[in-house]
Amino acid sequence: MPLIACQRVVDFGNGTRKVVLPGGATTITFAKGDVKHQLPWGMTQYYYKEVDTWHTTHASGVEVFHFPTGQREAHHPSGMKEILFADGAARRVTPDGLLN
């Protein structure tokens, strides 16, 4: 694994490691295998190892989930959800119900 220049590495007693990179990006690797990336422009990415799923939160508040099945979901602050299924089918759901 290539060595990456970093500002600071903190190893916690529970197996968690926090790496702060130049520019303010932070990566936290948890003992159970989850990984959290915090980026200085307000985006956070979290990987749930147990279910092999990525959850990205954008500075705008939009949350995007990438599931191992190929399904992707975007959850908007308004409550609307956009779902793209692995077979290419797409659905939009509002807080009041299904749009398409």
PDB file of N, CA and C in Angstrom:
ATOM      1  N   MET A   1       0.844  -1.165   0.000  1.00  0.00           N
ATOM      2  CA  MET A   1       0.000   0.000   0.000  1.00  0.00           C
ATOM      3  C   MET A   1       0.892   1.230   0.000  1.00  0.00           C
ATOM      4  N   PRO A   2       0.626   2.193  -0.911  1.00  0.00           N
ATOM      5  CA  PRO A   2       1.481   3.385  -0.964  1.00  0.00           C
ATOM      6  C   PRO A   2       1.278   4.262   0.261  1.00  0.00           C
ATOM      7  N   LEU A   3       2.344   4.908   0.672  1.00  0.00           N
ATOM      8  CA  LEU A   3       2.293   5.805   1.817  1.00  0.00           C
ATOM      9  C   LEU A   3       1.728   7.139   1.371  1.00  0.00           C
ATOM     10  N   ILE A   4       0.749   7.643   2.114  1.00  0.00           N
ATOM     11  CA  ILE A   4       0.115   8.920   1.810  1.00  0.00           C
ATOM     12  C   ILE A   4       0.542   9.911   2.885  1.00  0.00           C
ATOM     13  N   ALA A   5       1.016  11.081   2.453  1.00  0.00           N
ATOM     14  CA  ALA A   5       1.392  12.105   3.417  1.00  0.00           C
ATOM     15  C   ALA A   5       0.156  12.522   4.194  1.00  0.00           C
ATOM     16  N   CYS A   6       0.261  12.578   5.503  1.00  0.00           N
ATOM     17  CA  CYS A   6      -0.898  12.959   6.303  1.00  0.00           C
ATOM     18  C   CYS A   6      -0.475  13.921   7.395  1.00  0.00           C
ATOM     19  N   GLN A   7      -1.443  14.670   7.856  1.00  0.00           N
ATOM     20  CA  GLN A   7      -1.177  15.604   8.935  1.00  0.00           C
ATOM     21  C   GLN A   7      -1.136  14.886  10.273  1.00  0.00           C
ATOM     22  N   ARG A   8      -2.067  13.913  10.438  1.00  0.00           N
ATOM     23  CA  ARG A   8      -2.171  13.291  11.746  1.00  0.00           C
ATOM     24  C   ARG A   8      -2.857  11.928  11.645  1.00  0.00           C
ATOM     25  N   VAL A   9      -2.364  10.973  12.411  1.00  0.00           N
ATOM     26  CA  VAL A   9      -2.987   9.652  12.525  1.00  0.00           C
ATOM     27  C   VAL A   9      -3.240   9.404  14.009  1.00  0.00           C
ATOM     28  N   VAL A  10      -4.482   9.000  14.313  1.00  0.00           N
ATOM     29  CA  VAL A  10      -4.831   8.687  15.697  1.00  0.00           C
ATOM     30  C   VAL A  10      -5.370   7.268  15.716  1.00  0.00           C
ATOM     31  N   ASP A  11      -4.742   6.406  16.512  1.00  0.00           N
ATOM     32  CA  ASP A  11      -5.220   5.041  16.703  1.00  0.00           C
ATOM     33  C   ASP A  11      -5.895   4.963  18.069  1.00  0.00           C
ATOM     34  N   PHE A  12      -7.146   4.538  18.074  1.00  0.00           N
ATOM     35  CA  PHE A  12      -7.908   4.421  19.304  1.00  0.00           C
ATOM     36  C   PHE A  12      -7.828   2.996  19.836  1.00  0.00           C
ATOM     37  N   GLY A  13      -8.018   2.834  21.120  1.00  0.00           N
ATOM     38  CA  GLY A  13      -7.920   1.533  21.769  1.00  0.00           C
ATOM     39  C   GLY A  13      -8.936   0.517  21.294  1.00  0.00           C
ATOM     40  N   ASN A  14     -10.044   0.969  20.703  1.00  0.00           N
ATOM     41  CA  ASN A  14     -11.082   0.047  20.231  1.00  0.00           C
ATOM     42  C   ASN A  14     -10.845  -0.427  18.792  1.00  0.00           C
ATOM     43  N   GLY A  15      -9.697  -0.065  18.211  1.00  0.00           N
ATOM     44  CA  GLY A  15      -9.379  -0.501  16.857  1.00  0.00           C
ATOM     45  C   GLY A  15      -9.702   0.510  15.779  1.00  0.00           C
ATOM     46  N   THR A  16     -10.289   1.623  16.145  1.00  0.00           N
ATOM     47  CA  THR A  16     -10.619   2.681  15.192  1.00  0.00           C
ATOM     48  C   THR A  16      -9.370   3.494  14.883  1.00  0.00           C
ATOM     49  N   ARG A  17      -9.222   3.886  13.618  1.00  0.00           N
ATOM     50  CA  ARG A  17      -8.101   4.729  13.192  1.00  0.00           C
ATOM     51  C   ARG A  17      -8.645   5.950  12.467  1.00  0.00           C
ATOM     52  N   LYS A  18      -8.152   7.119  12.837  1.00  0.00           N
ATOM     53  CA  LYS A  18      -8.539   8.376  12.197  1.00  0.00           C
ATOM     54  C   LYS A  18      -7.313   8.967  11.529  1.00  0.00           C
ATOM     55  N   VAL A  19      -7.445   9.285  10.245  1.00  0.00           N
ATOM     56  CA  VAL A  19      -6.363   9.892   9.476  1.00  0.00           C
ATOM     57  C   VAL A  19      -6.860  11.238   8.955  1.00  0.00           C
ATOM     58  N   VAL A  20      -6.140  12.299   9.304  1.00  0.00           N
ATOM     59  CA  VAL A  20      -6.465  13.636   8.822  1.00  0.00           C
ATOM     60  C   VAL A  20      -5.446  13.992   7.753  1.00  0.00           C
ATOM     61  N   LEU A  21      -5.926  14.226   6.547  1.00  0.00           N
ATOM     62  CA  LEU A  21      -5.057  14.507   5.404  1.00  0.00           C
ATOM     63  C   LEU A  21      -4.856  16.007   5.214  1.00  0.00           C
ATOM     64  N   PRO A  22      -3.796  16.383   4.512  1.00  0.00           N
ATOM     65  CA  PRO A  22      -3.614  17.799   4.188  1.00  0.00           C
ATOM     66  C   PRO A  22      -4.848  18.316   3.454  1.00  0.00           C
ATOM     67  N   GLY A  23      -5.276  19.496   3.772  1.00  0.00           N
ATOM     68  CA  GLY A  23      -6.466  20.056   3.130  1.00  0.00           C
ATOM     69  C   GLY A  23      -7.732  19.824   3.939  1.00  0.00           C
ATOM     70  N   GLY A  24      -7.658  19.012   4.986  1.00  0.00           N
ATOM     71  CA  GLY A  24      -8.801  18.848   5.864  1.00  0.00           C
ATOM     72  C   GLY A  24      -9.637  17.597   5.682  1.00  0.00           C
ATOM     73  N   ALA A  25      -9.368  16.783   4.687  1.00  0.00           N
ATOM     74  CA  ALA A  25     -10.114  15.537   4.528  1.00  0.00           C
ATOM     75  C   ALA A  25      -9.759  14.586   5.663  1.00  0.00           C
ATOM     76  N   THR A  26     -10.758  13.850   6.138  1.00  0.00           N
ATOM     77  CA  THR A  26     -10.564  12.911   7.232  1.00  0.00           C
ATOM     78  C   THR A  26     -11.111  11.551   6.841  1.00  0.00           C
ATOM     79  N   THR A  27     -10.369  10.506   7.159  1.00  0.00           N
ATOM     80  CA  THR A  27     -10.841   9.140   6.963  1.00  0.00           C
ATOM     81  C   THR A  27     -10.798   8.432   8.303  1.00  0.00           C
ATOM     82  N   ILE A  28     -11.934   7.839   8.661  1.00  0.00           N
ATOM     83  CA  ILE A  28     -12.019   7.065   9.897  1.00  0.00           C
ATOM     84  C   ILE A  28     -12.327   5.629   9.506  1.00  0.00           C
ATOM     85  N   THR A  29     -11.486   4.704   9.940  1.00  0.00           N
ATOM     86  CA  THR A  29     -11.702   3.277   9.690  1.00  0.00           C
ATOM     87  C   THR A  29     -12.039   2.638  11.032  1.00  0.00           C
ATOM     88  N   PHE A  30     -13.213   2.037  11.091  1.00  0.00           N
ATOM     89  CA  PHE A  30     -13.695   1.444  12.332  1.00  0.00           C
ATOM     90  C   PHE A  30     -13.288  -0.023  12.411  1.00  0.00           C
ATOM     91  N   ALA A  31     -13.172  -0.538  13.612  1.00  0.00           N
ATOM     92  CA  ALA A  31     -12.735  -1.918  13.832  1.00  0.00           C
ATOM     93  C   ALA A  31     -13.632  -2.925  13.117  1.00  0.00           C
ATOM     94  N   LYS A  32     -14.920  -2.642  13.006  1.00  0.00           N
ATOM     95  CA  LYS A  32     -15.841  -3.581  12.357  1.00  0.00           C
ATOM     96  C   LYS A  32     -15.769  -3.525  10.826  1.00  0.00           C
ATOM     97  N   GLY A  33     -14.910  -2.622  10.291  1.00  0.00           N
ATOM     98  CA  GLY A  33     -14.701  -2.550   8.844  1.00  0.00           C
ATOM     99  C   GLY A  33     -15.392  -1.401   8.153  1.00  0.00           C
ATOM    100  N   ASP A  34     -16.254  -0.665   8.853  1.00  0.00           N
ATOM    101  CA  ASP A  34     -16.889   0.501   8.254  1.00  0.00           C
ATOM    102  C   ASP A  34     -15.834   1.578   8.020  1.00  0.00           C
ATOM    103  N   VAL A  35     -16.086   2.440   7.036  1.00  0.00           N
ATOM    104  CA  VAL A  35     -15.162   3.526   6.706  1.00  0.00           C
ATOM    105  C   VAL A  35     -15.964   4.802   6.502  1.00  0.00           C
ATOM    106  N   LYS A  36     -15.469   5.902   7.071  1.00  0.00           N
ATOM    107  CA  LYS A  36     -16.115   7.197   6.912  1.00  0.00           C
ATOM    108  C   LYS A  36     -15.105   8.188   6.358  1.00  0.00           C
ATOM    109  N   HIS A  37     -15.474   8.831   5.231  1.00  0.00           N
ATOM    110  CA  HIS A  37     -14.654   9.886   4.638  1.00  0.00           C
ATOM    111  C   HIS A  37     -15.408  11.204   4.841  1.00  0.00           C
ATOM    112  N   GLN A  38     -14.747  12.180   5.429  1.00  0.00           N
ATOM    113  CA  GLN A  38     -15.315  13.514   5.564  1.00  0.00           C
ATOM    114  C   GLN A  38     -14.463  14.452   4.721  1.00  0.00           C
ATOM    115  N   LEU A  39     -15.103  15.117   3.780  1.00  0.00           N
ATOM    116  CA  LEU A  39     -14.381  15.979   2.862  1.00  0.00           C
ATOM    117  C   LEU A  39     -14.620  17.436   3.225  1.00  0.00           C
ATOM    118  N   PRO A  40     -13.620  18.294   3.033  1.00  0.00           N
ATOM    119  CA  PRO A  40     -13.705  19.678   3.527  1.00  0.00           C
ATOM    120  C   PRO A  40     -14.805  20.510   2.871  1.00  0.00           C
ATOM    121  N   TRP A  41     -15.327  20.117   1.735  1.00  0.00           N
ATOM    122  CA  TRP A  41     -16.377  20.900   1.082  1.00  0.00           C
ATOM    123  C   TRP A  41     -17.766  20.462   1.529  1.00  0.00           C
ATOM    124  N   GLY A  42     -17.844  19.610   2.555  1.00  0.00           N
ATOM    125  CA  GLY A  42     -19.132  19.281   3.146  1.00  0.00           C
ATOM    126  C   GLY A  42     -19.723  17.940   2.766  1.00  0.00           C
ATOM    127  N   MET A  43     -19.023  17.155   1.985  1.00  0.00           N
ATOM    128  CA  MET A  43     -19.529  15.841   1.613  1.00  0.00           C
ATOM    129  C   MET A  43     -18.969  14.796   2.574  1.00  0.00           C
ATOM    130  N   THR A  44     -19.825  13.843   2.950  1.00  0.00           N
ATOM    131  CA  THR A  44     -19.419  12.727   3.795  1.00  0.00           C
ATOM    132  C   THR A  44     -19.797  11.426   3.098  1.00  0.00           C
ATOM    133  N   GLN A  45     -18.882  10.488   3.055  1.00  0.00           N
ATOM    134  CA  GLN A  45     -19.142   9.162   2.500  1.00  0.00           C
ATOM    135  C   GLN A  45     -18.955   8.153   3.626  1.00  0.00           C
ATOM    136  N   TYR A  46     -19.917   7.224   3.736  1.00  0.00           N
ATOM    137  CA  TYR A  46     -19.828   6.202   4.781  1.00  0.00           C
ATOM    138  C   TYR A  46     -20.061   4.853   4.133  1.00  0.00           C
ATOM    139  N   TYR A  47     -19.152   3.930   4.385  1.00  0.00           N
ATOM    140  CA  TYR A  47     -19.267   2.568   3.865  1.00  0.00           C
ATOM    141  C   TYR A  47     -19.643   1.634   5.002  1.00  0.00           C
ATOM    142  N   TYR A  48     -20.792   0.952   4.839  1.00  0.00           N
ATOM    143  CA  TYR A  48     -21.253  -0.030   5.817  1.00  0.00           C
ATOM    144  C   TYR A  48     -20.782  -1.409   5.350  1.00  0.00           C
ATOM    145  N   LYS A  49     -19.733  -1.913   5.971  1.00  0.00           N
ATOM    146  CA  LYS A  49     -19.136  -3.163   5.520  1.00  0.00           C
ATOM    147  C   LYS A  49     -20.099  -4.338   5.596  1.00  0.00           C
ATOM    148  N   GLU A  50     -20.837  -4.442   6.693  1.00  0.00           N
ATOM    149  CA  GLU A  50     -21.704  -5.607   6.910  1.00  0.00           C
ATOM    150  C   GLU A  50     -22.722  -5.787   5.784  1.00  0.00           C
ATOM    151  N   VAL A  51     -23.200  -4.696   5.204  1.00  0.00           N
ATOM    152  CA  VAL A  51     -24.199  -4.780   4.129  1.00  0.00           C
ATOM    153  C   VAL A  51     -23.648  -4.292   2.786  1.00  0.00           C
ATOM    154  N   ASP A  52     -22.315  -4.029   2.717  1.00  0.00           N
ATOM    155  CA  ASP A  52     -21.636  -3.634   1.478  1.00  0.00           C
ATOM    156  C   ASP A  52     -22.344  -2.460   0.788  1.00  0.00           C
ATOM    157  N   THR A  53     -22.635  -1.414   1.546  1.00  0.00           N
ATOM    158  CA  THR A  53     -23.413  -0.282   1.037  1.00  0.00           C
ATOM    159  C   THR A  53     -22.695   1.031   1.313  1.00  0.00           C
ATOM    160  N   TRP A  54     -22.671   1.914   0.299  1.00  0.00           N
ATOM    161  CA  TRP A  54     -22.127   3.258   0.439  1.00  0.00           C
ATOM    162  C   TRP A  54     -23.269   4.248   0.645  1.00  0.00           C
ATOM    163  N   HIS A  55     -23.062   5.192   1.546  1.00  0.00           N
ATOM    164  CA  HIS A  55     -24.027   6.253   1.835  1.00  0.00           C
ATOM    165  C   HIS A  55     -23.260   7.571   1.734  1.00  0.00           C
ATOM    166  N   THR A  56     -23.606   8.381   0.750  1.00  0.00           N
ATOM    167  CA  THR A  56     -22.945   9.664   0.546  1.00  0.00           C
ATOM    168  C   THR A  56     -23.915  10.783   0.886  1.00  0.00           C
ATOM    169  N   THR A  57     -23.487  11.692   1.751  1.00  0.00           N
ATOM    170  CA  THR A  57     -24.284  12.868   2.087  1.00  0.00           C
ATOM    171  C   THR A  57     -23.589  14.080   1.478  1.00  0.00           C
ATOM    172  N   HIS A  58     -24.303  14.767   0.606  1.00  0.00           N
ATOM    173  CA  HIS A  58     -23.762  15.947  -0.058  1.00  0.00           C
ATOM    174  C   HIS A  58     -24.035  17.191   0.782  1.00  0.00           C
ATOM    175  N   ALA A  59     -23.270  18.238   0.564  1.00  0.00           N
ATOM    176  CA  ALA A  59     -23.426  19.491   1.308  1.00  0.00           C
ATOM    177  C   ALA A  59     -24.836  20.048   1.145  1.00  0.00           C
ATOM    178  N   SER A  60     -25.493  19.751   0.045  1.00  0.00           N
ATOM    179  CA  SER A  60     -26.861  20.218  -0.221  1.00  0.00           C
ATOM    180  C   SER A  60     -27.895  19.497   0.633  1.00  0.00           C
ATOM    181  N   GLY A  61     -27.479  18.418   1.295  1.00  0.00           N
ATOM    182  CA  GLY A  61     -28.407  17.622   2.092  1.00  0.00           C
ATOM    183  C   GLY A  61     -28.910  16.383   1.380  1.00  0.00           C
ATOM    184  N   VAL A  62     -28.623  16.246   0.091  1.00  0.00           N
ATOM    185  CA  VAL A  62     -29.029  15.054  -0.658  1.00  0.00           C
ATOM    186  C   VAL A  62     -28.189  13.875  -0.183  1.00  0.00           C
ATOM    187  N   GLU A  63     -28.859  12.755   0.103  1.00  0.00           N
ATOM    188  CA  GLU A  63     -28.185  11.534   0.524  1.00  0.00           C
ATOM    189  C   GLU A  63     -28.353  10.485  -0.570  1.00  0.00           C
ATOM    190  N   VAL A  64     -27.248   9.875  -0.979  1.00  0.00           N
ATOM    191  CA  VAL A  64     -27.270   8.876  -2.045  1.00  0.00           C
ATOM    192  C   VAL A  64     -26.762   7.551  -1.484  1.00  0.00           C
ATOM    193  N   PHE A  65     -27.529   6.497  -1.727  1.00  0.00           N
ATOM    194  CA  PHE A  65     -27.180   5.156  -1.275  1.00  0.00           C
ATOM    195  C   PHE A  65     -26.861   4.290  -2.491  1.00  0.00           C
ATOM    196  N   HIS A  66     -25.769   3.536  -2.410  1.00  0.00           N
ATOM    197  CA  HIS A  66     -25.378   2.584  -3.461  1.00  0.00           C
ATOM    198  C   HIS A  66     -25.391   1.199  -2.822  1.00  0.00           C
ATOM    199  N   PHE A  67     -26.323   0.357  -3.268  1.00  0.00           N
ATOM    200  CA  PHE A  67     -26.481  -0.975  -2.696  1.00  0.00           C
ATOM    201  C   PHE A  67     -25.738  -2.013  -3.532  1.00  0.00           C
ATOM    202  N   PRO A  68     -25.340  -3.125  -2.948  1.00  0.00           N
ATOM    203  CA  PRO A  68     -24.589  -4.145  -3.692  1.00  0.00           C
ATOM    204  C   PRO A  68     -25.392  -4.775  -4.829  1.00  0.00           C
ATOM    205  N   THR A  69     -26.695  -4.641  -4.812  1.00  0.00           N
ATOM    206  CA  THR A  69     -27.543  -5.174  -5.885  1.00  0.00           C
ATOM    207  C   THR A  69     -27.468  -4.329  -7.148  1.00  0.00           C
ATOM    208  N   GLY A  70     -26.864  -3.129  -7.032  1.00  0.00           N
ATOM    209  CA  GLY A  70     -26.823  -2.189  -8.150  1.00  0.00           C
ATOM    210  C   GLY A  70     -27.878  -1.106  -8.019  1.00  0.00           C
ATOM    211  N   GLN A  71     -28.782  -1.243  -7.071  1.00  0.00           N
ATOM    212  CA  GLN A  71     -29.800  -0.223  -6.840  1.00  0.00           C
ATOM    213  C   GLN A  71     -29.159   1.017  -6.242  1.00  0.00           C
ATOM    214  N   ARG A  72     -29.657   2.192  -6.686  1.00  0.00           N
ATOM    215  CA  ARG A  72     -29.201   3.472  -6.150  1.00  0.00           C
ATOM    216  C   ARG A  72     -30.421   4.276  -5.742  1.00  0.00           C
ATOM    217  N   GLU A  73     -30.283   4.980  -4.636  1.00  0.00           N
ATOM    218  CA  GLU A  73     -31.374   5.823  -4.172  1.00  0.00           C
ATOM    219  C   GLU A  73     -30.825   7.188  -3.795  1.00  0.00           C
ATOM    220  N   ALA A  74     -31.561   8.228  -4.184  1.00  0.00           N
ATOM    221  CA  ALA A  74     -31.239   9.601  -3.777  1.00  0.00           C
ATOM    222  C   ALA A  74     -32.387  10.091  -2.907  1.00  0.00           C
ATOM    223  N   HIS A  75     -32.075  10.498  -1.683  1.00  0.00           N
ATOM    224  CA  HIS A  75     -33.070  11.014  -0.752  1.00  0.00           C
ATOM    225  C   HIS A  75     -32.836  12.509  -0.611  1.00  0.00           C
ATOM    226  N   HIS A  76     -33.827  13.297  -0.995  1.00  0.00           N
ATOM    227  CA  HIS A  76     -33.708  14.749  -0.999  1.00  0.00           C
ATOM    228  C   HIS A  76     -34.249  15.338   0.298  1.00  0.00           C
ATOM    229  N   PRO A  77     -33.734  16.506   0.720  1.00  0.00           N
ATOM    230  CA  PRO A  77     -34.218  17.141   1.949  1.00  0.00           C
ATOM    231  C   PRO A  77     -35.731  17.398   1.937  1.00  0.00           C
ATOM    232  N   SER A  78     -36.311  17.545   0.758  1.00  0.00           N
ATOM    233  CA  SER A  78     -37.754  17.785   0.631  1.00  0.00           C
ATOM    234  C   SER A  78     -38.582  16.553   0.981  1.00  0.00           C
ATOM    235  N   GLY A  79     -37.911  15.398   1.074  1.00  0.00           N
ATOM    236  CA  GLY A  79     -38.627  14.146   1.330  1.00  0.00           C
ATOM    237  C   GLY A  79     -38.793  13.297   0.075  1.00  0.00           C
ATOM    238  N   MET A  80     -38.519  13.877  -1.101  1.00  0.00           N
ATOM    239  CA  MET A  80     -38.620  13.114  -2.337  1.00  0.00           C
ATOM    240  C   MET A  80     -37.480  12.099  -2.410  1.00  0.00           C
ATOM    241  N   LYS A  81     -37.790  10.929  -2.948  1.00  0.00           N
ATOM    242  CA  LYS A  81     -36.788   9.892  -3.162  1.00  0.00           C
ATOM    243  C   LYS A  81     -36.802   9.484  -4.621  1.00  0.00           C
ATOM    244  N   GLU A  82     -35.608   9.338  -5.180  1.00  0.00           N
ATOM    245  CA  GLU A  82     -35.457   8.827  -6.543  1.00  0.00           C
ATOM    246  C   GLU A  82     -34.744   7.490  -6.432  1.00  0.00           C
ATOM    247  N   ILE A  83     -35.339   6.472  -7.027  1.00  0.00           N
ATOM    248  CA  ILE A  83     -34.789   5.125  -6.932  1.00  0.00           C
ATOM    249  C   ILE A  83     -34.490   4.617  -8.335  1.00  0.00           C
ATOM    250  N   LEU A  84     -33.264   4.176  -8.549  1.00  0.00           N
ATOM    251  CA  LEU A  84     -32.867   3.564  -9.810  1.00  0.00           C
ATOM    252  C   LEU A  84     -32.535   2.109  -9.511  1.00  0.00           C
ATOM    253  N   PHE A  85     -33.337   1.206 -10.070  1.00  0.00           N
ATOM    254  CA  PHE A  85     -33.143  -0.213  -9.827  1.00  0.00           C
ATOM    255  C   PHE A  85     -32.065  -0.767 -10.743  1.00  0.00           C
ATOM    256  N   ALA A  86     -31.502  -1.890 -10.401  1.00  0.00           N
ATOM    257  CA  ALA A  86     -30.410  -2.494 -11.163  1.00  0.00           C
ATOM    258  C   ALA A  86     -30.826  -2.825 -12.593  1.00  0.00           C
ATOM    259  N   ASP A  87     -32.118  -3.096 -12.826  1.00  0.00           N
ATOM    260  CA  ASP A  87     -32.586  -3.431 -14.171  1.00  0.00           C
ATOM    261  C   ASP A  87     -32.860  -2.201 -15.023  1.00  0.00           C
ATOM    262  N   GLY A  88     -32.595  -0.997 -14.476  1.00  0.00           N
ATOM    263  CA  GLY A  88     -32.786   0.247 -15.216  1.00  0.00           C
ATOM    264  C   GLY A  88     -34.117   0.931 -14.935  1.00  0.00           C
ATOM    265  N   ALA A  89     -35.033   0.251 -14.278  1.00  0.00           N
ATOM    266  CA  ALA A  89     -36.307   0.872 -13.926  1.00  0.00           C
ATOM    267  C   ALA A  89     -36.049   1.986 -12.915  1.00  0.00           C
ATOM    268  N   ALA A  90     -36.860   3.032 -12.990  1.00  0.00           N
ATOM    269  CA  ALA A  90     -36.689   4.169 -12.083  1.00  0.00           C
ATOM    270  C   ALA A  90     -38.027   4.533 -11.465  1.00  0.00           C
ATOM    271  N   ARG A  91     -37.983   5.029 -10.253  1.00  0.00           N
ATOM    272  CA  ARG A  91     -39.180   5.458  -9.540  1.00  0.00           C
ATOM    273  C   ARG A  91     -38.861   6.738  -8.776  1.00  0.00           C
ATOM    274  N   ARG A  92     -39.873   7.585  -8.659  1.00  0.00           N
ATOM    275  CA  ARG A  92     -39.790   8.761  -7.802  1.00  0.00           C
ATOM    276  C   ARG A  92     -40.899   8.645  -6.785  1.00  0.00           C
ATOM    277  N   VAL A  93     -40.563   8.937  -5.554  1.00  0.00           N
ATOM    278  CA  VAL A  93     -41.533   8.875  -4.483  1.00  0.00           C
ATOM    279  C   VAL A  93     -41.504  10.196  -3.735  1.00  0.00           C
ATOM    280  N   THR A  94     -42.673  10.811  -3.556  1.00  0.00           N
ATOM    281  CA  THR A  94     -42.763  12.028  -2.768  1.00  0.00           C
ATOM    282  C   THR A  94     -43.211  11.659  -1.366  1.00  0.00           C
ATOM    283  N   PRO A  95     -43.152  12.569  -0.438  1.00  0.00           N
ATOM    284  CA  PRO A  95     -43.659  12.265   0.898  1.00  0.00           C
ATOM    285  C   PRO A  95     -45.141  11.862   0.880  1.00  0.00           C
ATOM    286  N   ASP A  96     -45.856  12.271  -0.177  1.00  0.00           N
ATOM    287  CA  ASP A  96     -47.290  11.950  -0.295  1.00  0.00           C
ATOM    288  C   ASP A  96     -47.576  10.658  -1.052  1.00  0.00           C
ATOM    289  N   GLY A  97     -46.577  10.108  -1.743  1.00  0.00           N
ATOM    290  CA  GLY A  97     -46.823   8.880  -2.491  1.00  0.00           C
ATOM    291  C   GLY A  97     -46.013   8.778  -3.770  1.00  0.00           C
ATOM    292  N   LEU A  98     -46.284   7.735  -4.516  1.00  0.00           N
ATOM    293  CA  LEU A  98     -45.534   7.404  -5.726  1.00  0.00           C
ATOM    294  C   LEU A  98     -45.846   8.370  -6.863  1.00  0.00           C
ATOM    295  N   LEU A  99     -44.824   8.858  -7.560  1.00  0.00           N
ATOM    296  CA  LEU A  99     -45.013   9.698  -8.737  1.00  0.00           C
ATOM    297  C   LEU A  99     -44.971   8.896 -10.030  1.00  0.00           C
ATOM    298  N   ASN A 100     -44.008   7.997 -10.149  1.00  0.00           N
ATOM    299  CA  ASN A 100     -43.917   7.165 -11.372  1.00  0.00           C
ATOM    300  C   ASN A 100     -43.168   5.897 -11.107  1.00  0.00           C
TER     301      ASN A 100
END
